[in-house]
Amino acid sequence: MSEKKKNNFAFSKENYKWMLIGLGTILVGFVIMSLDGEQHGQGFLGLTLGPIVIMAGFILEFFAIFKKSK
């Protein structure tokens, strides 16, 4: 009678990997926004590219949270 060891964590290792990737993507988006050379971040990097990258990071975070572990 061998009992299978039950994992008591809410997420698997793969979920945490995706969460770190999403967090890194969010941080990269904020760095991109800060690199904008226009006054008050009113250029392409601050208004368009940075927020798109940040939203991609949040989408990755939602994916990591709702991903079913095997």
PDB file of N, CA and C in Angstrom:
ATOM      1  N   MET A   1       0.831  -1.190   0.000  1.00  0.00           N
ATOM      2  CA  MET A   1       0.000   0.000   0.000  1.00  0.00           C
ATOM      3  C   MET A   1       0.872   1.249   0.000  1.00  0.00           C
ATOM      4  N   SER A   2       1.139   1.737  -1.146  1.00  0.00           N
ATOM      5  CA  SER A   2       1.927   2.967  -1.209  1.00  0.00           C
ATOM      6  C   SER A   2       0.982   4.145  -1.408  1.00  0.00           C
ATOM      7  N   GLU A   3       1.134   5.098  -0.546  1.00  0.00           N
ATOM      8  CA  GLU A   3       0.301   6.298  -0.659  1.00  0.00           C
ATOM      9  C   GLU A   3       1.033   7.336  -1.487  1.00  0.00           C
ATOM     10  N   LYS A   4       0.295   7.978  -2.342  1.00  0.00           N
ATOM     11  CA  LYS A   4       0.866   9.024  -3.163  1.00  0.00           C
ATOM     12  C   LYS A   4       1.013  10.279  -2.318  1.00  0.00           C
ATOM     13  N   LYS A   5       2.194  10.883  -2.375  1.00  0.00           N
ATOM     14  CA  LYS A   5       2.445  12.088  -1.591  1.00  0.00           C
ATOM     15  C   LYS A   5       1.641  13.242  -2.175  1.00  0.00           C
ATOM     16  N   LYS A   6       0.821  13.860  -1.348  1.00  0.00           N
ATOM     17  CA  LYS A   6      -0.056  14.929  -1.824  1.00  0.00           C
ATOM     18  C   LYS A   6       0.649  16.273  -1.687  1.00  0.00           C
ATOM     19  N   ASN A   7       0.536  17.070  -2.744  1.00  0.00           N
ATOM     20  CA  ASN A   7       1.131  18.402  -2.754  1.00  0.00           C
ATOM     21  C   ASN A   7       0.117  19.375  -2.148  1.00  0.00           C
ATOM     22  N   ASN A   8       0.487  20.041  -1.074  1.00  0.00           N
ATOM     23  CA  ASN A   8      -0.434  20.953  -0.388  1.00  0.00           C
ATOM     24  C   ASN A   8      -0.319  22.398  -0.860  1.00  0.00           C
ATOM     25  N   PHE A   9       0.523  22.652  -1.840  1.00  0.00           N
ATOM     26  CA  PHE A   9       0.662  24.004  -2.349  1.00  0.00           C
ATOM     27  C   PHE A   9      -0.493  24.338  -3.288  1.00  0.00           C
ATOM     28  N   ALA A  10      -0.832  25.617  -3.351  1.00  0.00           N
ATOM     29  CA  ALA A  10      -1.934  26.041  -4.208  1.00  0.00           C
ATOM     30  C   ALA A  10      -1.569  25.959  -5.690  1.00  0.00           C
ATOM     31  N   PHE A  11      -0.294  26.175  -5.999  1.00  0.00           N
ATOM     32  CA  PHE A  11       0.154  26.188  -7.389  1.00  0.00           C
ATOM     33  C   PHE A  11       1.307  25.210  -7.561  1.00  0.00           C
ATOM     34  N   SER A  12       1.499  24.791  -8.796  1.00  0.00           N
ATOM     35  CA  SER A  12       2.620  23.901  -9.090  1.00  0.00           C
ATOM     36  C   SER A  12       3.846  24.742  -9.440  1.00  0.00           C
ATOM     37  N   LYS A  13       4.953  24.048  -9.657  1.00  0.00           N
ATOM     38  CA  LYS A  13       6.205  24.725 -10.003  1.00  0.00           C
ATOM     39  C   LYS A  13       6.069  25.497 -11.312  1.00  0.00           C
ATOM     40  N   GLU A  14       5.318  24.925 -12.242  1.00  0.00           N
ATOM     41  CA  GLU A  14       5.129  25.577 -13.541  1.00  0.00           C
ATOM     42  C   GLU A  14       4.322  26.876 -13.396  1.00  0.00           C
ATOM     43  N   ASN A  15       3.328  26.883 -12.499  1.00  0.00           N
ATOM     44  CA  ASN A  15       2.554  28.099 -12.260  1.00  0.00           C
ATOM     45  C   ASN A  15       3.461  29.218 -11.739  1.00  0.00           C
ATOM     46  N   TYR A  16       4.330  28.870 -10.801  1.00  0.00           N
ATOM     47  CA  TYR A  16       5.243  29.875 -10.249  1.00  0.00           C
ATOM     48  C   TYR A  16       6.221  30.372 -11.301  1.00  0.00           C
ATOM     49  N   LYS A  17       6.644  29.497 -12.214  1.00  0.00           N
ATOM     50  CA  LYS A  17       7.527  29.920 -13.301  1.00  0.00           C
ATOM     51  C   LYS A  17       6.829  30.959 -14.175  1.00  0.00           C
ATOM     52  N   TRP A  18       5.562  30.690 -14.534  1.00  0.00           N
ATOM     53  CA  TRP A  18       4.802  31.635 -15.361  1.00  0.00           C
ATOM     54  C   TRP A  18       4.544  32.939 -14.616  1.00  0.00           C
ATOM     55  N   MET A  19       4.340  32.856 -13.291  1.00  0.00           N
ATOM     56  CA  MET A  19       4.143  34.074 -12.504  1.00  0.00           C
ATOM     57  C   MET A  19       5.394  34.941 -12.518  1.00  0.00           C
ATOM     58  N   LEU A  20       6.564  34.323 -12.402  1.00  0.00           N
ATOM     59  CA  LEU A  20       7.807  35.099 -12.453  1.00  0.00           C
ATOM     60  C   LEU A  20       8.033  35.714 -13.832  1.00  0.00           C
ATOM     61  N   ILE A  21       7.682  34.975 -14.883  1.00  0.00           N
ATOM     62  CA  ILE A  21       7.799  35.527 -16.235  1.00  0.00           C
ATOM     63  C   ILE A  21       6.867  36.726 -16.397  1.00  0.00           C
ATOM     64  N   GLY A  22       5.637  36.613 -15.891  1.00  0.00           N
ATOM     65  CA  GLY A  22       4.693  37.726 -15.964  1.00  0.00           C
ATOM     66  C   GLY A  22       5.172  38.930 -15.172  1.00  0.00           C
ATOM     67  N   LEU A  23       5.720  38.691 -13.984  1.00  0.00           N
ATOM     68  CA  LEU A  23       6.241  39.788 -13.178  1.00  0.00           C
ATOM     69  C   LEU A  23       7.412  40.474 -13.872  1.00  0.00           C
ATOM     70  N   GLY A  24       8.281  39.680 -14.482  1.00  0.00           N
ATOM     71  CA  GLY A  24       9.393  40.253 -15.238  1.00  0.00           C
ATOM     72  C   GLY A  24       8.916  41.084 -16.417  1.00  0.00           C
ATOM     73  N   THR A  25       7.862  40.621 -17.087  1.00  0.00           N
ATOM     74  CA  THR A  25       7.304  41.359 -18.216  1.00  0.00           C
ATOM     75  C   THR A  25       6.713  42.691 -17.761  1.00  0.00           C
ATOM     76  N   ILE A  26       6.041  42.686 -16.619  1.00  0.00           N
ATOM     77  CA  ILE A  26       5.486  43.930 -16.075  1.00  0.00           C
ATOM     78  C   ILE A  26       6.608  44.910 -15.750  1.00  0.00           C
ATOM     79  N   LEU A  27       7.668  44.420 -15.119  1.00  0.00           N
ATOM     80  CA  LEU A  27       8.803  45.290 -14.790  1.00  0.00           C
ATOM     81  C   LEU A  27       9.468  45.845 -16.040  1.00  0.00           C
ATOM     82  N   VAL A  28       9.605  45.018 -17.085  1.00  0.00           N
ATOM     83  CA  VAL A  28      10.184  45.494 -18.346  1.00  0.00           C
ATOM     84  C   VAL A  28       9.310  46.589 -18.943  1.00  0.00           C
ATOM     85  N   GLY A  29       7.991  46.440 -18.846  1.00  0.00           N
ATOM     86  CA  GLY A  29       7.086  47.480 -19.349  1.00  0.00           C
ATOM     87  C   GLY A  29       7.278  48.808 -18.631  1.00  0.00           C
ATOM     88  N   PHE A  30       7.460  48.761 -17.302  1.00  0.00           N
ATOM     89  CA  PHE A  30       7.701  50.002 -16.565  1.00  0.00           C
ATOM     90  C   PHE A  30       9.054  50.617 -16.924  1.00  0.00           C
ATOM     91  N   VAL A  31      10.052  49.776 -17.162  1.00  0.00           N
ATOM     92  CA  VAL A  31      11.358  50.294 -17.579  1.00  0.00           C
ATOM     93  C   VAL A  31      11.241  50.953 -18.954  1.00  0.00           C
ATOM     94  N   ILE A  32      10.500  50.336 -19.857  1.00  0.00           N
ATOM     95  CA  ILE A  32      10.292  50.919 -21.186  1.00  0.00           C
ATOM     96  C   ILE A  32       9.610  52.278 -21.062  1.00  0.00           C
ATOM     97  N   MET A  33       8.612  52.370 -20.182  1.00  0.00           N
ATOM     98  CA  MET A  33       7.921  53.650 -20.003  1.00  0.00           C
ATOM     99  C   MET A  33       8.861  54.714 -19.452  1.00  0.00           C
ATOM    100  N   SER A  34       9.794  54.311 -18.592  1.00  0.00           N
ATOM    101  CA  SER A  34      10.708  55.299 -18.000  1.00  0.00           C
ATOM    102  C   SER A  34      11.797  55.736 -18.972  1.00  0.00           C
ATOM    103  N   LEU A  35      12.028  54.985 -20.038  1.00  0.00           N
ATOM    104  CA  LEU A  35      13.059  55.332 -21.010  1.00  0.00           C
ATOM    105  C   LEU A  35      12.606  56.378 -22.018  1.00  0.00           C
ATOM    106  N   ASP A  36      11.354  56.763 -21.977  1.00  0.00           N
ATOM    107  CA  ASP A  36      10.828  57.731 -22.937  1.00  0.00           C
ATOM    108  C   ASP A  36      11.515  59.077 -22.735  1.00  0.00           C
ATOM    109  N   GLY A  37      12.042  59.619 -23.833  1.00  0.00           N
ATOM    110  CA  GLY A  37      12.779  60.872 -23.765  1.00  0.00           C
ATOM    111  C   GLY A  37      11.903  62.118 -23.799  1.00  0.00           C
ATOM    112  N   GLU A  38      10.636  61.957 -24.116  1.00  0.00           N
ATOM    113  CA  GLU A  38       9.730  63.105 -24.174  1.00  0.00           C
ATOM    114  C   GLU A  38       9.382  63.593 -22.775  1.00  0.00           C
ATOM    115  N   GLN A  39       8.963  64.830 -22.692  1.00  0.00           N
ATOM    116  CA  GLN A  39       8.589  65.415 -21.407  1.00  0.00           C
ATOM    117  C   GLN A  39       7.354  64.705 -20.842  1.00  0.00           C
ATOM    118  N   HIS A  40       7.409  64.316 -19.579  1.00  0.00           N
ATOM    119  CA  HIS A  40       6.331  63.640 -18.853  1.00  0.00           C
ATOM    120  C   HIS A  40       5.912  62.325 -19.502  1.00  0.00           C
ATOM    121  N   GLY A  41       6.813  61.685 -20.247  1.00  0.00           N
ATOM    122  CA  GLY A  41       6.511  60.394 -20.841  1.00  0.00           C
ATOM    123  C   GLY A  41       5.434  60.432 -21.898  1.00  0.00           C
ATOM    124  N   GLN A  42       5.363  61.508 -22.651  1.00  0.00           N
ATOM    125  CA  GLN A  42       4.298  61.671 -23.641  1.00  0.00           C
ATOM    126  C   GLN A  42       4.668  61.161 -25.028  1.00  0.00           C
ATOM    127  N   GLY A  43       5.756  60.396 -25.147  1.00  0.00           N
ATOM    128  CA  GLY A  43       6.157  59.851 -26.446  1.00  0.00           C
ATOM    129  C   GLY A  43       5.584  58.465 -26.678  1.00  0.00           C
ATOM    130  N   PHE A  44       6.087  57.821 -27.731  1.00  0.00           N
ATOM    131  CA  PHE A  44       5.603  56.494 -28.118  1.00  0.00           C
ATOM    132  C   PHE A  44       5.870  55.460 -27.031  1.00  0.00           C
ATOM    133  N   LEU A  45       7.045  55.506 -26.424  1.00  0.00           N
ATOM    134  CA  LEU A  45       7.391  54.514 -25.407  1.00  0.00           C
ATOM    135  C   LEU A  45       6.512  54.641 -24.172  1.00  0.00           C
ATOM    136  N   GLY A  46       6.246  55.858 -23.749  1.00  0.00           N
ATOM    137  CA  GLY A  46       5.479  56.065 -22.521  1.00  0.00           C
ATOM    138  C   GLY A  46       3.984  55.888 -22.680  1.00  0.00           C
ATOM    139  N   LEU A  47       3.467  56.167 -23.863  1.00  0.00           N
ATOM    140  CA  LEU A  47       2.012  56.107 -24.062  1.00  0.00           C
ATOM    141  C   LEU A  47       1.515  54.853 -24.771  1.00  0.00           C
ATOM    142  N   THR A  48       2.382  54.190 -25.530  1.00  0.00           N
ATOM    143  CA  THR A  48       1.912  53.069 -26.335  1.00  0.00           C
ATOM    144  C   THR A  48       2.623  51.757 -25.990  1.00  0.00           C
ATOM    145  N   LEU A  49       3.913  51.708 -26.207  1.00  0.00           N
ATOM    146  CA  LEU A  49       4.643  50.452 -26.071  1.00  0.00           C
ATOM    147  C   LEU A  49       4.707  49.961 -24.625  1.00  0.00           C
ATOM    148  N   GLY A  50       5.031  50.832 -23.694  1.00  0.00           N
ATOM    149  CA  GLY A  50       5.119  50.439 -22.291  1.00  0.00           C
ATOM    150  C   GLY A  50       3.818  49.861 -21.747  1.00  0.00           C
ATOM    151  N   PRO A  51       2.690  50.553 -21.912  1.00  0.00           N
ATOM    152  CA  PRO A  51       1.422  49.985 -21.426  1.00  0.00           C
ATOM    153  C   PRO A  51       1.027  48.671 -22.100  1.00  0.00           C
ATOM    154  N   ILE A  52       1.354  48.491 -23.375  1.00  0.00           N
ATOM    155  CA  ILE A  52       1.051  47.226 -24.045  1.00  0.00           C
ATOM    156  C   ILE A  52       1.854  46.095 -23.418  1.00  0.00           C
ATOM    157  N   VAL A  53       3.127  46.335 -23.140  1.00  0.00           N
ATOM    158  CA  VAL A  53       3.970  45.304 -22.519  1.00  0.00           C
ATOM    159  C   VAL A  53       3.477  44.998 -21.105  1.00  0.00           C
ATOM    160  N   ILE A  54       3.055  46.017 -20.363  1.00  0.00           N
ATOM    161  CA  ILE A  54       2.529  45.808 -19.014  1.00  0.00           C
ATOM    162  C   ILE A  54       1.251  44.979 -19.062  1.00  0.00           C
ATOM    163  N   MET A  55       0.358  45.277 -19.998  1.00  0.00           N
ATOM    164  CA  MET A  55      -0.870  44.486 -20.119  1.00  0.00           C
ATOM    165  C   MET A  55      -0.556  43.035 -20.492  1.00  0.00           C
ATOM    166  N   ALA A  56       0.450  42.826 -21.330  1.00  0.00           N
ATOM    167  CA  ALA A  56       0.858  41.463 -21.661  1.00  0.00           C
ATOM    168  C   ALA A  56       1.345  40.741 -20.406  1.00  0.00           C
ATOM    169  N   GLY A  57       2.036  41.451 -19.535  1.00  0.00           N
ATOM    170  CA  GLY A  57       2.485  40.857 -18.282  1.00  0.00           C
ATOM    171  C   GLY A  57       1.323  40.470 -17.384  1.00  0.00           C
ATOM    172  N   PHE A  58       0.309  41.321 -17.305  1.00  0.00           N
ATOM    173  CA  PHE A  58      -0.867  40.987 -16.496  1.00  0.00           C
ATOM    174  C   PHE A  58      -1.639  39.802 -17.089  1.00  0.00           C
ATOM    175  N   ILE A  59      -1.689  39.715 -18.406  1.00  0.00           N
ATOM    176  CA  ILE A  59      -2.331  38.561 -19.042  1.00  0.00           C
ATOM    177  C   ILE A  59      -1.572  37.281 -18.701  1.00  0.00           C
ATOM    178  N   LEU A  60      -0.236  37.356 -18.697  1.00  0.00           N
ATOM    179  CA  LEU A  60       0.557  36.196 -18.291  1.00  0.00           C
ATOM    180  C   LEU A  60       0.295  35.822 -16.839  1.00  0.00           C
ATOM    181  N   GLU A  61       0.108  36.824 -15.976  1.00  0.00           N
ATOM    182  CA  GLU A  61      -0.194  36.544 -14.567  1.00  0.00           C
ATOM    183  C   GLU A  61      -1.539  35.827 -14.426  1.00  0.00           C
ATOM    184  N   PHE A  62      -2.555  36.281 -15.136  1.00  0.00           N
ATOM    185  CA  PHE A  62      -3.851  35.611 -15.095  1.00  0.00           C
ATOM    186  C   PHE A  62      -3.743  34.185 -15.627  1.00  0.00           C
ATOM    187  N   PHE A  63      -2.976  34.013 -16.697  1.00  0.00           N
ATOM    188  CA  PHE A  63      -2.755  32.679 -17.238  1.00  0.00           C
ATOM    189  C   PHE A  63      -2.086  31.772 -16.201  1.00  0.00           C
ATOM    190  N   ALA A  64      -1.099  32.307 -15.488  1.00  0.00           N
ATOM    191  CA  ALA A  64      -0.384  31.508 -14.488  1.00  0.00           C
ATOM    192  C   ALA A  64      -1.290  31.121 -13.334  1.00  0.00           C
ATOM    193  N   ILE A  65      -2.187  32.003 -12.945  1.00  0.00           N
ATOM    194  CA  ILE A  65      -3.074  31.715 -11.828  1.00  0.00           C
ATOM    195  C   ILE A  65      -4.124  30.675 -12.207  1.00  0.00           C
ATOM    196  N   PHE A  66      -4.681  30.778 -13.396  1.00  0.00           N
ATOM    197  CA  PHE A  66      -5.775  29.897 -13.783  1.00  0.00           C
ATOM    198  C   PHE A  66      -5.321  28.611 -14.481  1.00  0.00           C
ATOM    199  N   LYS A  67      -4.021  28.457 -14.711  1.00  0.00           N
ATOM    200  CA  LYS A  67      -3.522  27.254 -15.363  1.00  0.00           C
ATOM    201  C   LYS A  67      -3.672  26.066 -14.419  1.00  0.00           C
ATOM    202  N   LYS A  68      -4.258  24.995 -14.933  1.00  0.00           N
ATOM    203  CA  LYS A  68      -4.444  23.777 -14.129  1.00  0.00           C
ATOM    204  C   LYS A  68      -3.133  23.011 -14.069  1.00  0.00           C
ATOM    205  N   SER A  69      -2.789  22.557 -12.890  1.00  0.00           N
ATOM    206  CA  SER A  69      -1.598  21.725 -12.771  1.00  0.00           C
ATOM    207  C   SER A  69      -1.954  20.276 -13.056  1.00  0.00           C
ATOM    208  N   LYS A  70      -0.969  19.536 -13.528  1.00  0.00           N
ATOM    209  CA  LYS A  70      -1.211  18.142 -13.927  1.00  0.00           C
ATOM    210  C   LYS A  70      -1.313  17.228 -12.724  1.00  0.00           C
TER     211      LYS A  70
END
